[in-house]
Every structure is written in C-alpha cells, then in structure tokens.
Amino acid sequence: MDLPARVGRYEIELLLGEGGMGRVLLARDPILRRQVAIKILRDDLALSAEQRQSLVDSFRQEVRSASTLSHPAMIAIYDMGEDDVVGPYVVFELARGTTLRERLHDGAIAPAEVAQIARALGSVLAYAHAAGLVHRGVRPENTLLTATGPKLTDFGLSPADARTPAYTSPEILAAGTFSAETDQFSLAATLYEALTGRQAFSGDDVVAVAAKVASGIHSPPRSVLPALRGFLRLDMVFVRAFAKNPKNRFSSCDAFASTLAAELEGPRVTFLATPTQARSGASRSMRRWQNGIALAAVVVILSLLLIGRFHHP
C-alpha cells in the first residue's frame, strides 16, 4: 500500500505490520516530539458500507473503553481520531519488542519464561474483564515481549479471525459469543504453543482445525515435549482451561495463569535412569566393605542369641 504522509497531525514513517483487520504504522508526533504507533483499518476489506460502519462504530466504542484502563501489561492508548483519507485511527505508545509469534520461530520457550508470560497476560486480562472489556483476540501475534515484560496488544480491536480458529473457543465457533471464558480459552491455546512449540489445535485447513476445537481434542503437553514430563499436573491444567463448557474452566484468566505458572515454577519430578551393572572400582570396593560389615553384624547377632540360649536357666 502507499503510505499517507500524515494521519491527523502525525507524520507517518513506515509500516510496522498488518493483520486481518488493520495496519500498524510507525509515526512521529510533531507536538510532543515522540514516536508512536498508529492503527488504521485496512482499506482492502471486502465489506459493505453497512458492515464497515458497524465495524467503525465498534472500533470507536472499544477504544474509548480501553483508553480508561492502565496496566503494566497493556499497551497505552494516547489518542484517537478520524482522518479524511484513512478514516478512524488509534494512537498507541510505541512498545519495542518481539511478538510471541516471532519468538516461536526458534521453537518452544523455557517453562520459567512461559510462567512469567502467563502471569502477566492472566493479570491484565482479569483486570480488563473486571472493567467489562473482553479482548477477543488473544494469540501469539498480539503478545509482545518487551524489555519491561510481556504486553498484550489490541484490546477490543482484534476480533476473532476465521482464518485462525486455533485460538477461538468452541462457543465462539458455535454461537459467536465472547466472554471472559473465551479469552481464557485463547490464552490457554497461546501458552500451550509457547510451552510446546506446537499449536494445541492444528490441521490441514481451517475446517479441520475448527473441528478439533469444537471437539476439544488436543495432545497433552507432557506427551508432546519430553522435557515437560516432570510437571505432573500440567496436562490437567490445560484440560480444564480447554473445557468445552465455559463453566468448567478456571474462575478467571488470572486463576488459570497463576495455576499454570505455579506448576511451571514448582519442583519437578526427576525420572532417574535404572542403575547399570557397570560400576567403578571404588563402587565395587564400597559394596564389598558394606557386605563385610553386614556379615559381621549377622555373626554378632547369632553369637548373642547362642550365648543367651546357653545361659538361660
């Protein structure tokens, strides 16, 4: 796309990225003299005028709701407006970092780091839910790993994408209903992938993926990655978070994330190898010494028994 020179008062520098519904631009605020991120709606969406207006209205409402919130794991909203060329736009703080999706290109993430991500995302989602705001698009692309900690982007601005049903709960697929419980399902799918390096629900196409989500079929993480076998309660944590009935999930995203983090941060069971026959000379010497002591003890005990027998009146 040809980038506009300006959006509102902001000077556009380059395209940072784009998703299913919008584009994110790097811009400069000439008044405050700082760089910011600006999100605009894509101009190539196949939407009718009525659908686009509905999307714009929802866009504005969600931004107003999100702008009243402040949390360390939430990207701050600075401004919003309407541009003659690009339409509605939102101005965010520029948080530099790597998305979880980009980080996963290198494979699964260490359990201790996943625990930190879980605590941050679970906390910010519970905070937003208490204020009546549902994220609707928790997934690796919207999780930013920054120098100050994990941050969740696009609150209210990233509706479930039909092209990525792997993070979409069964009730969304069935009825299109969003809730704190649907965010919990998406969070579980995101953290499962961070921990194992694989999607919990995968398939050759979106239909196959949606079928797995609807049925709740996923491979236990301890069977996916041998390094996770020492976390004995790990599989059951995800079974509960992925429950088909939302009422059977954890009471909140924070409760799920805290339980998962506690399991990943706690002591692990170490599976010891079966001792082999081959031993060092020192080990054989030690066993001979132990056997000699044991034999001497048996001799002493038998002697005492015999003495006691002969001296018994």
Protein backbone atom coordinates (compact mmCIF):
# COMPACT_ATOMS: atom_id res chain seq x y z
CA MET A 1 0.00 0.00 0.00
CA ASP A 2 1.02 3.63 -0.49
CA LEU A 3 1.53 5.12 2.95
CA PRO A 4 -0.06 8.51 3.61
CA ALA A 5 2.31 11.29 4.57
CA ARG A 6 0.16 12.13 7.57
CA VAL A 7 -2.67 10.69 9.63
CA GLY A 8 -4.22 13.51 11.59
CA ARG A 9 -1.35 15.54 12.97
CA TYR A 10 1.01 12.54 12.99
CA GLU A 11 3.84 12.20 10.45
CA ILE A 12 3.96 8.65 9.04
CA GLU A 13 7.38 7.00 8.80
CA LEU A 14 6.82 3.37 7.85
CA LEU A 15 4.54 0.32 8.02
CA LEU A 16 5.20 -1.77 11.15
CA GLY A 17 2.82 -4.62 10.36
CA GLU A 18 -0.68 -5.65 9.42
CA GLY A 19 -3.28 -8.18 10.49
CA GLY A 20 -6.65 -9.41 9.37
CA MET A 21 -8.46 -6.13 10.08
CA GLY A 22 -5.92 -3.35 10.41
CA ARG A 23 -2.47 -1.95 9.77
CA VAL A 24 0.01 -0.53 12.27
CA LEU A 25 2.14 2.44 11.25
CA LEU A 26 5.18 4.00 12.85
CA ALA A 27 4.62 7.74 13.19
CA ARG A 28 6.01 10.82 14.86
CA ASP A 29 4.05 13.25 16.98
CA PRO A 30 5.40 16.68 15.97
CA ILE A 31 3.92 18.38 19.03
CA LEU A 32 5.18 16.04 21.76
CA ARG A 33 8.20 15.04 19.68
CA ARG A 34 7.97 11.33 20.22
CA GLN A 35 7.40 8.24 18.11
CA VAL A 36 4.05 6.48 18.36
CA ALA A 37 2.22 3.56 16.76
CA ILE A 38 -0.97 4.23 14.82
CA LYS A 39 -3.55 1.61 13.94
CA ILE A 40 -5.88 2.11 10.98
CA LEU A 41 -8.45 -0.15 9.35
CA ARG A 42 -7.37 -1.93 6.19
CA ASP A 43 -8.69 -0.33 3.02
CA ASP A 44 -8.89 -3.64 1.14
CA LEU A 45 -11.53 -5.36 3.30
CA ALA A 46 -14.42 -6.82 1.31
CA LEU A 47 -17.10 -5.12 3.41
CA SER A 48 -20.36 -3.47 2.52
CA ALA A 49 -20.90 0.14 3.58
CA GLU A 50 -23.18 -1.06 6.39
CA GLN A 51 -20.65 -3.64 7.63
CA ARG A 52 -17.81 -1.14 7.56
CA GLN A 53 -19.84 1.43 9.51
CA SER A 54 -20.70 -1.20 12.11
CA LEU A 55 -17.03 -2.08 12.41
CA VAL A 56 -16.06 1.58 12.76
CA ASP A 57 -18.68 2.13 15.49
CA SER A 58 -17.43 -0.91 17.39
CA PHE A 59 -13.85 0.24 16.87
CA ARG A 60 -14.57 3.62 18.48
CA GLN A 61 -16.51 2.15 21.40
CA GLU A 62 -13.84 -0.39 22.27
CA VAL A 63 -11.09 2.22 22.06
CA ARG A 64 -12.96 4.51 24.45
CA SER A 65 -13.35 1.61 26.90
CA ALA A 66 -9.72 0.53 26.64
CA SER A 67 -8.40 4.09 26.99
CA THR A 68 -9.73 4.29 30.56
CA LEU A 69 -7.60 1.33 31.66
CA SER A 70 -3.97 1.27 32.76
CA HIS A 71 -1.93 -1.87 33.42
CA PRO A 72 1.79 -2.71 33.06
CA ALA A 73 0.95 -5.48 30.58
CA MET A 74 -1.33 -3.30 28.43
CA ILE A 75 -0.28 -1.00 25.58
CA ALA A 76 -1.33 2.56 26.49
CA ILE A 77 -3.72 4.44 24.19
CA TYR A 78 -2.74 8.08 23.59
CA ASP A 79 -5.27 9.38 21.11
CA MET A 80 -7.92 8.58 18.51
CA GLY A 81 -9.41 10.48 15.61
CA GLU A 82 -10.88 10.50 12.12
CA ASP A 83 -8.73 11.14 9.07
CA ASP A 84 -10.14 12.23 5.71
CA VAL A 85 -8.08 9.60 3.86
CA VAL A 86 -7.70 6.55 6.14
CA GLY A 87 -10.79 7.02 8.31
CA PRO A 88 -10.71 6.23 12.05
CA TYR A 89 -7.35 5.73 13.70
CA VAL A 90 -5.95 5.00 17.15
CA VAL A 91 -2.61 6.20 18.53
CA PHE A 92 -0.69 3.90 20.91
CA GLU A 93 2.52 4.03 22.85
CA LEU A 94 5.39 2.61 20.82
CA ALA A 95 6.45 -0.51 22.70
CA ARG A 96 9.54 -2.07 21.17
CA GLY A 97 9.95 -5.80 21.32
CA THR A 98 9.31 -9.12 19.63
CA THR A 99 5.95 -10.75 19.22
CA LEU A 100 5.47 -14.18 20.70
CA ARG A 101 4.83 -15.44 17.16
CA GLU A 102 8.27 -14.24 16.07
CA ARG A 103 9.87 -15.76 19.17
CA LEU A 104 8.26 -19.13 18.44
CA HIS A 105 10.15 -19.34 15.15
CA ASP A 106 13.04 -20.58 17.32
CA GLY A 107 10.90 -23.29 18.94
CA ALA A 108 9.37 -23.86 22.38
CA ILE A 109 10.10 -21.39 25.17
CA ALA A 110 11.57 -22.37 28.55
CA PRO A 111 8.93 -23.17 31.20
CA ALA A 112 10.18 -20.47 33.58
CA GLU A 113 9.72 -17.79 30.91
CA VAL A 114 6.30 -19.14 29.94
CA ALA A 115 5.34 -18.82 33.61
CA GLN A 116 6.27 -15.11 33.50
CA ILE A 117 4.26 -14.59 30.31
CA ALA A 118 1.30 -16.42 31.83
CA ARG A 119 1.26 -14.29 34.98
CA ALA A 120 1.42 -11.03 33.00
CA LEU A 121 -1.30 -11.94 30.49
CA GLY A 122 -3.56 -13.56 33.07
CA SER A 123 -3.32 -10.47 35.26
CA VAL A 124 -4.09 -7.94 32.51
CA LEU A 125 -6.99 -9.99 31.14
CA ALA A 126 -8.59 -10.35 34.59
CA TYR A 127 -8.12 -6.59 35.09
CA ALA A 128 -9.83 -5.83 31.76
CA HIS A 129 -12.65 -8.30 32.41
CA ALA A 130 -13.37 -6.66 35.76
CA ALA A 131 -13.84 -3.41 33.83
CA GLY A 132 -16.19 -5.10 31.36
CA LEU A 133 -13.74 -5.31 28.44
CA VAL A 134 -13.17 -8.59 26.56
CA HIS A 135 -10.07 -8.82 24.40
CA ARG A 136 -11.47 -11.23 21.74
CA GLY A 137 -8.16 -11.87 20.02
CA VAL A 138 -5.58 -13.33 22.40
CA ARG A 139 -2.94 -15.13 20.33
CA PRO A 140 0.85 -15.08 19.79
CA GLU A 141 0.63 -12.25 17.25
CA ASN A 142 -0.92 -9.95 19.88
CA THR A 143 1.55 -10.82 22.63
CA LEU A 144 4.55 -8.50 22.68
CA LEU A 145 7.71 -9.43 24.58
CA THR A 146 9.41 -6.19 25.63
CA ALA A 147 12.36 -5.28 27.82
CA THR A 148 9.94 -4.35 30.63
CA GLY A 149 7.88 -7.53 30.36
CA PRO A 150 5.11 -9.11 28.25
CA LYS A 151 2.34 -6.85 26.94
CA LEU A 152 -0.99 -7.69 25.33
CA THR A 153 -1.89 -5.51 22.35
CA ASP A 154 -5.12 -4.68 20.53
CA PHE A 155 -7.66 -4.72 23.36
CA GLY A 156 -11.07 -4.76 21.73
CA LEU A 157 -9.52 -4.15 18.31
CA SER A 158 -8.80 -7.70 17.24
CA PRO A 159 -11.98 -9.74 16.80
CA ALA A 160 -11.68 -13.49 16.32
CA ASP A 161 -10.32 -14.16 12.85
CA ALA A 162 -11.98 -17.00 10.94
CA ARG A 163 -8.61 -17.70 9.34
CA THR A 164 -7.04 -18.56 12.71
CA PRO A 165 -9.58 -20.70 14.60
CA ALA A 166 -6.80 -22.39 16.58
CA TYR A 167 -7.22 -19.74 19.31
CA THR A 168 -11.00 -19.50 19.11
CA SER A 169 -13.19 -21.18 21.74
CA PRO A 170 -15.95 -23.68 20.85
CA GLU A 171 -18.71 -21.27 21.91
CA ILE A 172 -17.43 -18.59 19.55
CA LEU A 173 -17.45 -21.05 16.66
CA ALA A 174 -20.94 -22.25 17.61
CA ALA A 175 -22.69 -19.01 18.51
CA GLY A 176 -20.25 -16.11 18.13
CA THR A 177 -20.43 -15.25 21.83
CA PHE A 178 -17.48 -13.54 23.54
CA SER A 179 -16.75 -13.55 27.26
CA ALA A 180 -14.01 -13.73 29.84
CA GLU A 181 -14.13 -17.52 29.40
CA THR A 182 -13.48 -17.26 25.66
CA ASP A 183 -10.41 -15.11 26.40
CA GLN A 184 -9.26 -17.82 28.83
CA PHE A 185 -9.52 -20.47 26.11
CA SER A 186 -7.49 -18.27 23.74
CA LEU A 187 -4.91 -17.59 26.44
CA ALA A 188 -4.57 -21.33 27.10
CA ALA A 189 -4.04 -22.00 23.38
CA THR A 190 -1.40 -19.25 23.25
CA LEU A 191 0.50 -20.52 26.31
CA TYR A 192 0.25 -24.15 25.17
CA GLU A 193 2.00 -23.17 21.95
CA ALA A 194 4.63 -21.15 23.82
CA LEU A 195 5.36 -24.14 26.05
CA THR A 196 5.40 -26.91 23.41
CA GLY A 197 6.24 -25.08 20.20
CA ARG A 198 3.10 -26.56 18.62
CA GLN A 199 -0.49 -25.42 18.28
CA ALA A 200 -2.92 -27.18 20.59
CA PHE A 201 -5.42 -27.43 17.73
CA SER A 202 -3.88 -27.88 14.30
CA GLY A 203 -4.95 -29.31 10.97
CA ASP A 204 -4.54 -29.13 7.23
CA ASP A 205 -7.16 -26.39 6.86
CA VAL A 206 -9.41 -24.14 8.92
CA VAL A 207 -12.25 -26.67 8.82
CA ALA A 208 -10.06 -29.40 10.34
CA VAL A 209 -8.78 -27.01 13.00
CA ALA A 210 -12.29 -25.82 13.87
CA ALA A 211 -13.43 -29.45 14.19
CA LYS A 212 -10.66 -30.15 16.72
CA VAL A 213 -11.53 -27.03 18.69
CA ALA A 214 -15.21 -28.00 18.73
CA SER A 215 -14.41 -31.50 19.96
CA GLY A 216 -11.80 -30.34 22.47
CA ILE A 217 -9.21 -32.80 21.13
CA HIS A 218 -5.63 -31.80 21.91
CA SER A 219 -2.44 -33.69 22.70
CA PRO A 220 -1.38 -33.48 26.37
CA PRO A 221 1.64 -31.16 26.52
CA ARG A 222 3.67 -33.72 28.50
CA SER A 223 3.32 -36.14 25.60
CA VAL A 224 4.30 -33.50 23.05
CA LEU A 225 7.57 -32.45 24.65
CA PRO A 226 9.54 -34.95 26.77
CA ALA A 227 11.17 -32.10 28.71
CA LEU A 228 7.75 -31.34 30.27
CA ARG A 229 7.16 -34.80 31.73
CA GLY A 230 8.39 -33.74 35.14
CA PHE A 231 5.44 -31.34 35.57
CA LEU A 232 2.90 -33.89 36.77
CA ARG A 233 -0.19 -31.63 36.92
CA LEU A 234 0.48 -29.80 33.67
CA ASP A 235 -1.85 -31.84 31.47
CA MET A 236 -4.82 -31.41 33.81
CA VAL A 237 -4.33 -27.63 33.94
CA PHE A 238 -4.83 -27.44 30.18
CA VAL A 239 -7.69 -29.94 30.20
CA ARG A 240 -9.60 -27.59 32.47
CA ALA A 241 -8.72 -24.40 30.56
CA PHE A 242 -9.78 -26.08 27.29
CA ALA A 243 -13.08 -27.41 28.69
CA LYS A 244 -15.85 -27.30 26.07
CA ASN A 245 -18.28 -25.97 28.68
CA PRO A 246 -17.07 -22.49 29.73
CA LYS A 247 -18.42 -23.08 33.24
CA ASN A 248 -15.90 -25.89 33.72
CA ARG A 249 -12.89 -23.65 33.09
CA PHE A 250 -11.00 -21.72 35.75
CA SER A 251 -12.81 -18.95 37.58
CA SER A 252 -10.73 -16.30 35.80
CA CYS A 253 -7.79 -15.86 33.44
CA ASP A 254 -5.69 -14.90 36.44
CA ALA A 255 -6.64 -18.13 38.26
CA PHE A 256 -5.68 -20.21 35.22
CA ALA A 257 -2.42 -18.35 34.63
CA SER A 258 -1.42 -18.47 38.30
CA THR A 259 -2.09 -22.21 38.49
CA LEU A 260 -0.07 -22.84 35.34
CA ALA A 261 2.78 -20.60 36.47
CA ALA A 262 2.91 -22.26 39.91
CA GLU A 263 3.19 -25.66 38.23
CA LEU A 264 5.97 -24.49 35.91
CA GLU A 265 7.86 -22.74 38.72
CA GLY A 266 7.47 -25.54 41.26
CA PRO A 267 9.68 -28.58 41.87
CA ARG A 268 9.86 -31.09 39.06
CA VAL A 269 9.89 -34.86 39.34
CA THR A 270 13.17 -36.23 38.04
CA PHE A 271 13.00 -39.63 36.39
CA LEU A 272 16.22 -41.45 37.29
CA ALA A 273 17.75 -43.98 34.94
CA THR A 274 17.91 -47.63 36.04
CA PRO A 275 21.38 -48.33 37.52
CA THR A 276 23.62 -50.27 35.16
CA GLN A 277 25.81 -53.23 36.05
CA ALA A 278 28.98 -51.38 35.18
CA ARG A 279 30.42 -49.64 38.25
CA SER A 280 33.69 -48.03 39.10
CA GLY A 281 36.33 -49.84 41.12
CA ALA A 282 35.60 -47.54 44.07
CA SER A 283 31.89 -48.56 43.96
CA ARG A 284 32.77 -52.28 43.99
CA SER A 285 35.15 -51.72 46.87
CA MET A 286 32.49 -49.86 48.79
CA ARG A 287 29.96 -52.66 48.25
CA ARG A 288 32.47 -55.29 49.46
CA TRP A 289 33.08 -53.18 52.59
CA GLN A 290 29.33 -52.82 53.19
CA ASN A 291 28.79 -56.56 52.69
CA GLY A 292 31.60 -57.33 55.13
CA ILE A 293 30.03 -55.09 57.77
CA ALA A 294 26.64 -56.72 57.21
CA LEU A 295 28.14 -60.22 57.56
CA ALA A 296 29.93 -59.24 60.77
CA ALA A 297 26.67 -57.91 62.16
CA VAL A 298 24.93 -61.20 61.40
CA VAL A 299 27.72 -63.13 63.18
CA VAL A 300 27.45 -60.92 66.26
CA ILE A 301 23.67 -61.30 66.43
CA LEU A 302 23.88 -65.10 66.12
CA SER A 303 26.57 -65.21 68.82
CA LEU A 304 24.42 -63.22 71.21
CA LEU A 305 21.47 -65.50 70.57
CA LEU A 306 23.57 -68.61 71.28
CA ILE A 307 25.01 -67.13 74.44
CA GLY A 308 21.58 -66.20 75.64
CA ARG A 309 20.33 -69.72 74.91
CA PHE A 310 23.09 -71.49 76.87
CA HIS A 311 22.79 -69.16 79.86
CA HIS A 312 19.03 -69.34 80.10
CA PRO A 313 18.04 -71.12 83.44
